Amino acid sequence: MGLEDNKAVARRIYEEVLNGRNIDLADELVAEDSVENDPFPGVGQGRKGFKQFWKMFEASFPDYRISIEDIIAEGDKVVLRIRVKADYTGEPFIGTVPTGREIEFESIDILRIENGVVTEHWGETDAIAMFDQIGAVELAIEV
C-alpha cells in the first residue's frame, strides 16, 4: 500500500471508528494482534484492547470529538497530531467524579500500517492537561 492509502486507513480509524462510534469497524482496520506500545493501565493488547479503551473513554466522555490537526506518512507509518474535545458527563474515569466540564487536549499518535490494517501504535498524550481538567492531576504524575 502507498502513503496515501495508509493515511486513508488512519483517517478511517479516527473519523469512522472513533468519531463515527463504529467500534466494530476496528475489526477491519486494526490487526487482532496489534501492539500497543503505550498501554493504558488495565487495558489489554491487540484489537480487543483498542476496543476496550475506546468503549471506556466513550462511557466517560460520551460526546468526545477528535479532530486531525496534522497527518504525515513515511514508509509504513502514519503520524497524526490530534485534538480531543469532550464534556466529562459520563461514568467516572480513572476514579474521578464527572464534573460536566469540557476538556480539551492534544495527542501525537504513530500508527504502523501493514496491508491496510494497524499493526502497531505509539502515542504521546498531554495527560497532565487532560487529568488537570478532570481534577486528577496527581494521577497524571503516577501514569
N, C-alpha and C. Protein backbone atom coordinates (compact mmCIF):
# COMPACT_ATOMS: atom_id res chain seq x y z
N MET A 1 0.84 -1.19 0.00
CA MET A 1 0.00 0.00 0.00
C MET A 1 0.88 1.24 0.00
N GLY A 2 0.37 2.29 -0.61
CA GLY A 2 1.12 3.54 -0.68
C GLY A 2 0.84 4.45 0.50
N LEU A 3 1.56 5.55 0.53
CA LEU A 3 1.42 6.50 1.63
C LEU A 3 0.00 7.04 1.75
N GLU A 4 -0.61 7.38 0.63
CA GLU A 4 -1.98 7.91 0.68
C GLU A 4 -2.97 6.85 1.17
N ASP A 5 -2.74 5.60 0.79
CA ASP A 5 -3.59 4.51 1.28
C ASP A 5 -3.46 4.37 2.79
N ASN A 6 -2.23 4.45 3.30
CA ASN A 6 -2.02 4.35 4.74
C ASN A 6 -2.67 5.52 5.48
N LYS A 7 -2.56 6.72 4.91
CA LYS A 7 -3.22 7.88 5.53
C LYS A 7 -4.73 7.70 5.53
N ALA A 8 -5.27 7.10 4.48
CA ALA A 8 -6.72 6.86 4.42
C ALA A 8 -7.16 5.89 5.51
N VAL A 9 -6.36 4.86 5.77
CA VAL A 9 -6.67 3.91 6.85
C VAL A 9 -6.68 4.66 8.19
N ALA A 10 -5.66 5.48 8.42
CA ALA A 10 -5.59 6.25 9.67
C ALA A 10 -6.79 7.17 9.82
N ARG A 11 -7.16 7.86 8.75
CA ARG A 11 -8.34 8.74 8.81
C ARG A 11 -9.60 7.95 9.16
N ARG A 12 -9.74 6.77 8.58
CA ARG A 12 -10.93 5.95 8.86
C ARG A 12 -11.00 5.58 10.33
N ILE A 13 -9.84 5.28 10.93
CA ILE A 13 -9.82 4.96 12.36
C ILE A 13 -10.41 6.11 13.16
N TYR A 14 -9.93 7.33 12.92
CA TYR A 14 -10.36 8.48 13.72
C TYR A 14 -11.74 8.98 13.33
N GLU A 15 -12.05 9.00 12.04
CA GLU A 15 -13.31 9.58 11.60
C GLU A 15 -14.47 8.60 11.67
N GLU A 16 -14.27 7.37 11.22
CA GLU A 16 -15.38 6.41 11.17
C GLU A 16 -15.49 5.57 12.44
N VAL A 17 -14.37 5.01 12.89
CA VAL A 17 -14.41 4.14 14.06
C VAL A 17 -14.67 4.96 15.31
N LEU A 18 -13.86 6.00 15.54
CA LEU A 18 -13.94 6.76 16.79
C LEU A 18 -15.02 7.84 16.73
N ASN A 19 -14.88 8.83 15.86
CA ASN A 19 -15.91 9.87 15.79
C ASN A 19 -17.26 9.32 15.35
N GLY A 20 -17.24 8.33 14.45
CA GLY A 20 -18.48 7.74 13.96
C GLY A 20 -19.08 6.71 14.90
N ARG A 21 -18.36 6.43 15.99
CA ARG A 21 -18.82 5.47 17.01
C ARG A 21 -19.14 4.10 16.40
N ASN A 22 -18.33 3.71 15.40
CA ASN A 22 -18.48 2.42 14.76
C ASN A 22 -17.33 1.52 15.18
N ILE A 23 -17.29 1.17 16.46
CA ILE A 23 -16.17 0.44 17.03
C ILE A 23 -15.97 -0.92 16.35
N ASP A 24 -17.04 -1.52 15.83
CA ASP A 24 -16.90 -2.82 15.17
C ASP A 24 -16.13 -2.74 13.85
N LEU A 25 -16.03 -1.55 13.27
CA LEU A 25 -15.23 -1.36 12.07
C LEU A 25 -13.75 -1.59 12.37
N ALA A 26 -13.37 -1.51 13.63
CA ALA A 26 -11.98 -1.81 14.02
C ALA A 26 -11.62 -3.25 13.66
N ASP A 27 -12.61 -4.12 13.54
CA ASP A 27 -12.34 -5.50 13.13
C ASP A 27 -11.68 -5.55 11.75
N GLU A 28 -11.96 -4.57 10.92
CA GLU A 28 -11.36 -4.48 9.58
C GLU A 28 -10.05 -3.71 9.57
N LEU A 29 -9.89 -2.75 10.49
CA LEU A 29 -8.81 -1.79 10.39
C LEU A 29 -7.69 -1.96 11.42
N VAL A 30 -7.91 -2.77 12.45
CA VAL A 30 -6.90 -2.99 13.49
C VAL A 30 -6.62 -4.49 13.54
N ALA A 31 -5.35 -4.87 13.45
CA ALA A 31 -4.98 -6.28 13.49
C ALA A 31 -5.35 -6.86 14.85
N GLU A 32 -5.80 -8.10 14.82
CA GLU A 32 -6.19 -8.78 16.07
C GLU A 32 -5.05 -8.78 17.08
N ASP A 33 -3.82 -8.93 16.60
CA ASP A 33 -2.66 -9.00 17.48
C ASP A 33 -1.83 -7.71 17.44
N SER A 34 -2.48 -6.58 17.16
CA SER A 34 -1.75 -5.31 17.10
C SER A 34 -1.07 -5.03 18.44
N VAL A 35 0.03 -4.30 18.35
CA VAL A 35 0.84 -3.99 19.53
C VAL A 35 0.57 -2.56 19.97
N GLU A 36 0.24 -2.40 21.24
CA GLU A 36 0.07 -1.07 21.84
C GLU A 36 1.33 -0.81 22.67
N ASN A 37 2.14 0.14 22.23
CA ASN A 37 3.41 0.42 22.91
C ASN A 37 3.24 1.34 24.12
N ASP A 38 2.11 1.97 24.25
CA ASP A 38 1.83 2.85 25.39
C ASP A 38 0.48 2.48 25.99
N PRO A 39 0.38 1.27 26.55
CA PRO A 39 -0.93 0.82 27.02
C PRO A 39 -1.45 1.62 28.21
N PHE A 40 -2.75 1.84 28.20
CA PHE A 40 -3.42 2.48 29.32
C PHE A 40 -3.53 1.45 30.43
N PRO A 41 -3.29 1.83 31.67
CA PRO A 41 -3.34 0.86 32.76
C PRO A 41 -4.65 0.06 32.78
N GLY A 42 -4.51 -1.25 32.84
CA GLY A 42 -5.68 -2.13 32.91
C GLY A 42 -6.30 -2.49 31.58
N VAL A 43 -5.74 -1.98 30.49
CA VAL A 43 -6.28 -2.25 29.16
C VAL A 43 -5.34 -3.21 28.44
N GLY A 44 -5.91 -4.21 27.78
CA GLY A 44 -5.12 -5.23 27.12
C GLY A 44 -4.54 -4.79 25.79
N GLN A 45 -3.90 -5.74 25.14
CA GLN A 45 -3.27 -5.53 23.84
C GLN A 45 -4.22 -5.90 22.71
N GLY A 46 -3.78 -5.66 21.50
CA GLY A 46 -4.49 -6.07 20.31
C GLY A 46 -5.78 -5.31 20.07
N ARG A 47 -6.52 -5.80 19.09
CA ARG A 47 -7.79 -5.19 18.73
C ARG A 47 -8.73 -5.13 19.94
N LYS A 48 -8.72 -6.19 20.72
CA LYS A 48 -9.59 -6.24 21.91
C LYS A 48 -9.26 -5.09 22.87
N GLY A 49 -7.98 -4.83 23.09
CA GLY A 49 -7.57 -3.73 23.96
C GLY A 49 -7.95 -2.37 23.38
N PHE A 50 -7.79 -2.21 22.06
CA PHE A 50 -8.19 -0.98 21.37
C PHE A 50 -9.66 -0.70 21.63
N LYS A 51 -10.50 -1.71 21.41
CA LYS A 51 -11.94 -1.55 21.60
C LYS A 51 -12.27 -1.29 23.07
N GLN A 52 -11.58 -2.00 23.96
CA GLN A 52 -11.82 -1.84 25.39
C GLN A 52 -11.56 -0.40 25.82
N PHE A 53 -10.42 0.16 25.40
CA PHE A 53 -10.09 1.53 25.79
C PHE A 53 -11.12 2.51 25.27
N TRP A 54 -11.47 2.42 23.99
CA TRP A 54 -12.37 3.42 23.42
C TRP A 54 -13.79 3.29 23.94
N LYS A 55 -14.23 2.10 24.28
CA LYS A 55 -15.54 1.95 24.92
C LYS A 55 -15.52 2.60 26.30
N MET A 56 -14.42 2.42 27.04
CA MET A 56 -14.27 3.03 28.36
C MET A 56 -14.24 4.56 28.23
N PHE A 57 -13.47 5.06 27.26
CA PHE A 57 -13.38 6.51 27.06
C PHE A 57 -14.74 7.10 26.71
N GLU A 58 -15.45 6.44 25.81
CA GLU A 58 -16.78 6.93 25.41
C GLU A 58 -17.76 6.91 26.58
N ALA A 59 -17.66 5.91 27.44
CA ALA A 59 -18.57 5.84 28.60
C ALA A 59 -18.37 7.04 29.52
N SER A 60 -17.14 7.55 29.60
CA SER A 60 -16.86 8.70 30.45
C SER A 60 -17.07 10.04 29.75
N PHE A 61 -16.80 10.06 28.46
CA PHE A 61 -16.88 11.29 27.66
C PHE A 61 -17.76 11.02 26.43
N PRO A 62 -19.07 10.86 26.63
CA PRO A 62 -19.94 10.37 25.56
C PRO A 62 -19.99 11.24 24.30
N ASP A 63 -19.66 12.51 24.42
CA ASP A 63 -19.73 13.38 23.24
C ASP A 63 -18.34 13.70 22.67
N TYR A 64 -17.33 12.89 23.01
CA TYR A 64 -15.98 13.22 22.57
C TYR A 64 -15.92 13.37 21.05
N ARG A 65 -15.03 14.24 20.64
CA ARG A 65 -14.82 14.51 19.22
C ARG A 65 -13.33 14.66 18.99
N ILE A 66 -12.81 13.98 17.99
CA ILE A 66 -11.39 14.04 17.66
C ILE A 66 -11.22 14.76 16.33
N SER A 67 -10.34 15.74 16.31
CA SER A 67 -10.01 16.39 15.03
C SER A 67 -8.55 16.07 14.70
N ILE A 68 -8.33 15.76 13.45
CA ILE A 68 -6.98 15.52 12.97
C ILE A 68 -6.40 16.87 12.57
N GLU A 69 -5.38 17.29 13.29
CA GLU A 69 -4.74 18.59 13.03
C GLU A 69 -3.66 18.46 11.97
N ASP A 70 -2.91 17.36 12.02
CA ASP A 70 -1.84 17.09 11.05
C ASP A 70 -1.77 15.60 10.81
N ILE A 71 -1.40 15.21 9.59
CA ILE A 71 -1.20 13.80 9.27
C ILE A 71 -0.03 13.70 8.29
N ILE A 72 0.94 12.86 8.65
CA ILE A 72 2.17 12.72 7.86
C ILE A 72 2.45 11.23 7.71
N ALA A 73 2.81 10.81 6.52
CA ALA A 73 3.12 9.39 6.28
C ALA A 73 4.53 9.24 5.74
N GLU A 74 5.18 8.17 6.18
CA GLU A 74 6.51 7.82 5.70
C GLU A 74 6.65 6.31 5.84
N GLY A 75 6.96 5.62 4.77
CA GLY A 75 7.10 4.16 4.83
C GLY A 75 5.80 3.52 5.28
N ASP A 76 5.87 2.68 6.31
CA ASP A 76 4.66 2.01 6.80
C ASP A 76 4.06 2.70 8.02
N LYS A 77 4.49 3.94 8.30
CA LYS A 77 4.00 4.66 9.48
C LYS A 77 3.23 5.91 9.08
N VAL A 78 2.19 6.20 9.89
CA VAL A 78 1.42 7.43 9.76
C VAL A 78 1.46 8.12 11.11
N VAL A 79 1.83 9.40 11.11
CA VAL A 79 1.89 10.20 12.32
C VAL A 79 0.75 11.21 12.28
N LEU A 80 0.00 11.27 13.38
CA LEU A 80 -1.11 12.20 13.48
C LEU A 80 -0.98 13.05 14.72
N ARG A 81 -1.27 14.34 14.56
CA ARG A 81 -1.45 15.21 15.72
C ARG A 81 -2.95 15.44 15.81
N ILE A 82 -3.51 15.01 16.92
CA ILE A 82 -4.96 15.10 17.07
C ILE A 82 -5.32 15.98 18.26
N ARG A 83 -6.53 16.51 18.22
CA ARG A 83 -7.10 17.29 19.32
C ARG A 83 -8.40 16.60 19.73
N VAL A 84 -8.53 16.37 21.03
CA VAL A 84 -9.73 15.73 21.57
C VAL A 84 -10.47 16.76 22.40
N LYS A 85 -11.78 16.89 22.14
CA LYS A 85 -12.67 17.76 22.93
C LYS A 85 -13.83 16.91 23.40
N ALA A 86 -14.24 17.14 24.64
CA ALA A 86 -15.36 16.38 25.19
C ALA A 86 -15.87 17.05 26.45
N ASP A 87 -17.07 16.67 26.84
CA ASP A 87 -17.61 17.07 28.14
C ASP A 87 -17.56 15.85 29.04
N TYR A 88 -17.12 16.06 30.27
CA TYR A 88 -16.98 14.96 31.23
C TYR A 88 -18.32 14.75 31.92
N THR A 89 -19.21 14.07 31.22
CA THR A 89 -20.59 13.91 31.71
C THR A 89 -21.00 12.46 31.90
N GLY A 90 -20.11 11.53 31.62
CA GLY A 90 -20.48 10.12 31.68
C GLY A 90 -20.06 9.47 32.98
N GLU A 91 -19.55 8.27 32.85
CA GLU A 91 -19.13 7.49 34.00
C GLU A 91 -17.79 8.01 34.54
N PRO A 92 -17.48 7.69 35.81
CA PRO A 92 -16.18 8.10 36.35
C PRO A 92 -15.04 7.55 35.49
N PHE A 93 -14.02 8.37 35.33
CA PHE A 93 -12.83 8.00 34.56
C PHE A 93 -11.66 7.95 35.53
N ILE A 94 -10.96 6.84 35.55
CA ILE A 94 -9.83 6.59 36.44
C ILE A 94 -10.10 7.04 37.88
N GLY A 95 -11.30 6.77 38.35
CA GLY A 95 -11.62 7.03 39.74
C GLY A 95 -12.03 8.45 40.06
N THR A 96 -12.22 9.29 39.06
CA THR A 96 -12.65 10.67 39.32
C THR A 96 -14.15 10.79 39.09
N VAL A 97 -14.74 11.80 39.68
CA VAL A 97 -16.17 12.04 39.55
C VAL A 97 -16.41 12.97 38.37
N PRO A 98 -17.35 12.64 37.47
CA PRO A 98 -17.64 13.52 36.34
C PRO A 98 -18.02 14.93 36.80
N THR A 99 -17.45 15.91 36.14
CA THR A 99 -17.66 17.31 36.52
C THR A 99 -18.61 18.05 35.58
N GLY A 100 -18.87 17.48 34.41
CA GLY A 100 -19.66 18.18 33.42
C GLY A 100 -18.84 19.20 32.64
N ARG A 101 -17.60 19.41 33.05
CA ARG A 101 -16.74 20.39 32.38
C ARG A 101 -16.24 19.88 31.05
N GLU A 102 -15.97 20.83 30.15
CA GLU A 102 -15.35 20.49 28.88
C GLU A 102 -13.86 20.24 29.09
N ILE A 103 -13.35 19.25 28.40
CA ILE A 103 -11.91 19.01 28.39
C ILE A 103 -11.42 19.13 26.96
N GLU A 104 -10.14 19.44 26.84
CA GLU A 104 -9.51 19.52 25.53
C GLU A 104 -8.03 19.23 25.72
N PHE A 105 -7.51 18.33 24.88
CA PHE A 105 -6.09 18.01 24.95
C PHE A 105 -5.62 17.51 23.59
N GLU A 106 -4.30 17.48 23.42
CA GLU A 106 -3.71 17.01 22.18
C GLU A 106 -2.97 15.71 22.40
N SER A 107 -2.77 15.00 21.32
CA SER A 107 -2.03 13.75 21.34
C SER A 107 -1.29 13.61 20.01
N ILE A 108 -0.15 12.96 20.07
CA ILE A 108 0.59 12.58 18.87
C ILE A 108 0.51 11.05 18.79
N ASP A 109 -0.02 10.53 17.72
CA ASP A 109 -0.14 9.08 17.53
C ASP A 109 0.68 8.66 16.32
N ILE A 110 1.34 7.53 16.45
CA ILE A 110 2.06 6.92 15.33
C ILE A 110 1.46 5.54 15.12
N LEU A 111 1.01 5.29 13.91
CA LEU A 111 0.42 4.01 13.55
C LEU A 111 1.30 3.32 12.52
N ARG A 112 1.62 2.05 12.77
CA ARG A 112 2.26 1.23 11.73
C ARG A 112 1.12 0.53 11.00
N ILE A 113 1.09 0.67 9.69
CA ILE A 113 0.01 0.10 8.89
C ILE A 113 0.62 -0.87 7.89
N GLU A 114 0.16 -2.10 7.94
CA GLU A 114 0.62 -3.14 7.03
C GLU A 114 -0.59 -3.80 6.38
N ASN A 115 -0.59 -3.83 5.07
CA ASN A 115 -1.68 -4.45 4.30
C ASN A 115 -3.05 -3.91 4.70
N GLY A 116 -3.11 -2.60 4.95
CA GLY A 116 -4.39 -1.95 5.20
C GLY A 116 -4.91 -2.04 6.62
N VAL A 117 -4.11 -2.56 7.56
CA VAL A 117 -4.55 -2.63 8.96
C VAL A 117 -3.46 -2.09 9.88
N VAL A 118 -3.89 -1.54 11.00
CA VAL A 118 -2.96 -1.03 12.01
C VAL A 118 -2.39 -2.23 12.76
N THR A 119 -1.06 -2.32 12.77
CA THR A 119 -0.40 -3.42 13.46
C THR A 119 0.35 -2.97 14.71
N GLU A 120 0.54 -1.66 14.84
CA GLU A 120 1.27 -1.15 16.00
C GLU A 120 0.90 0.32 16.22
N HIS A 121 0.91 0.74 17.50
CA HIS A 121 0.58 2.11 17.87
C HIS A 121 1.52 2.61 18.95
N TRP A 122 1.96 3.84 18.79
CA TRP A 122 2.67 4.58 19.83
C TRP A 122 1.87 5.86 20.04
N GLY A 123 1.79 6.35 21.25
CA GLY A 123 1.06 7.58 21.50
C GLY A 123 1.67 8.40 22.61
N GLU A 124 1.63 9.70 22.44
CA GLU A 124 2.04 10.65 23.47
C GLU A 124 0.89 11.63 23.64
N THR A 125 0.23 11.51 24.78
CA THR A 125 -0.91 12.36 25.08
C THR A 125 -0.53 13.36 26.14
N ASP A 126 -1.06 14.56 26.04
CA ASP A 126 -0.85 15.58 27.07
C ASP A 126 -1.72 15.20 28.28
N ALA A 127 -1.27 14.16 28.98
CA ALA A 127 -2.04 13.61 30.10
C ALA A 127 -2.18 14.61 31.24
N ILE A 128 -1.17 15.42 31.47
CA ILE A 128 -1.28 16.39 32.57
C ILE A 128 -2.40 17.38 32.27
N ALA A 129 -2.51 17.86 31.04
CA ALA A 129 -3.59 18.78 30.70
C ALA A 129 -4.95 18.09 30.87
N MET A 130 -5.05 16.86 30.37
CA MET A 130 -6.32 16.14 30.48
C MET A 130 -6.68 15.89 31.93
N PHE A 131 -5.74 15.32 32.70
CA PHE A 131 -6.04 14.97 34.08
C PHE A 131 -6.30 16.21 34.93
N ASP A 132 -5.63 17.32 34.63
CA ASP A 132 -5.89 18.57 35.34
C ASP A 132 -7.33 19.02 35.10
N GLN A 133 -7.79 18.88 33.87
CA GLN A 133 -9.14 19.32 33.53
C GLN A 133 -10.23 18.45 34.16
N ILE A 134 -9.91 17.19 34.46
CA ILE A 134 -10.91 16.34 35.10
C ILE A 134 -10.70 16.27 36.62
N GLY A 135 -9.71 17.05 37.12
CA GLY A 135 -9.48 17.13 38.56
C GLY A 135 -8.64 15.99 39.10
N ALA A 136 -7.73 15.48 38.29
CA ALA A 136 -6.92 14.35 38.73
C ALA A 136 -5.45 14.52 38.35
N VAL A 137 -4.93 15.74 38.45
CA VAL A 137 -3.57 15.99 38.01
C VAL A 137 -2.56 15.14 38.76
N GLU A 138 -2.82 14.80 40.01
CA GLU A 138 -1.88 13.96 40.76
C GLU A 138 -1.80 12.56 40.16
N LEU A 139 -2.87 12.10 39.49
CA LEU A 139 -2.84 10.80 38.83
C LEU A 139 -1.97 10.83 37.59
N ALA A 140 -1.89 11.96 36.93
CA ALA A 140 -1.07 12.08 35.72
C ALA A 140 0.39 11.84 36.06
N ILE A 141 0.79 12.25 37.22
CA ILE A 141 2.18 12.06 37.62
C ILE A 141 2.47 10.58 37.81
N GLU A 142 1.49 9.82 38.32
CA GLU A 142 1.67 8.39 38.53
C GLU A 142 1.66 7.61 37.22
N VAL A 143 0.83 8.01 36.26
CA VAL A 143 0.70 7.30 34.99
C VAL A 143 1.88 7.66 34.14
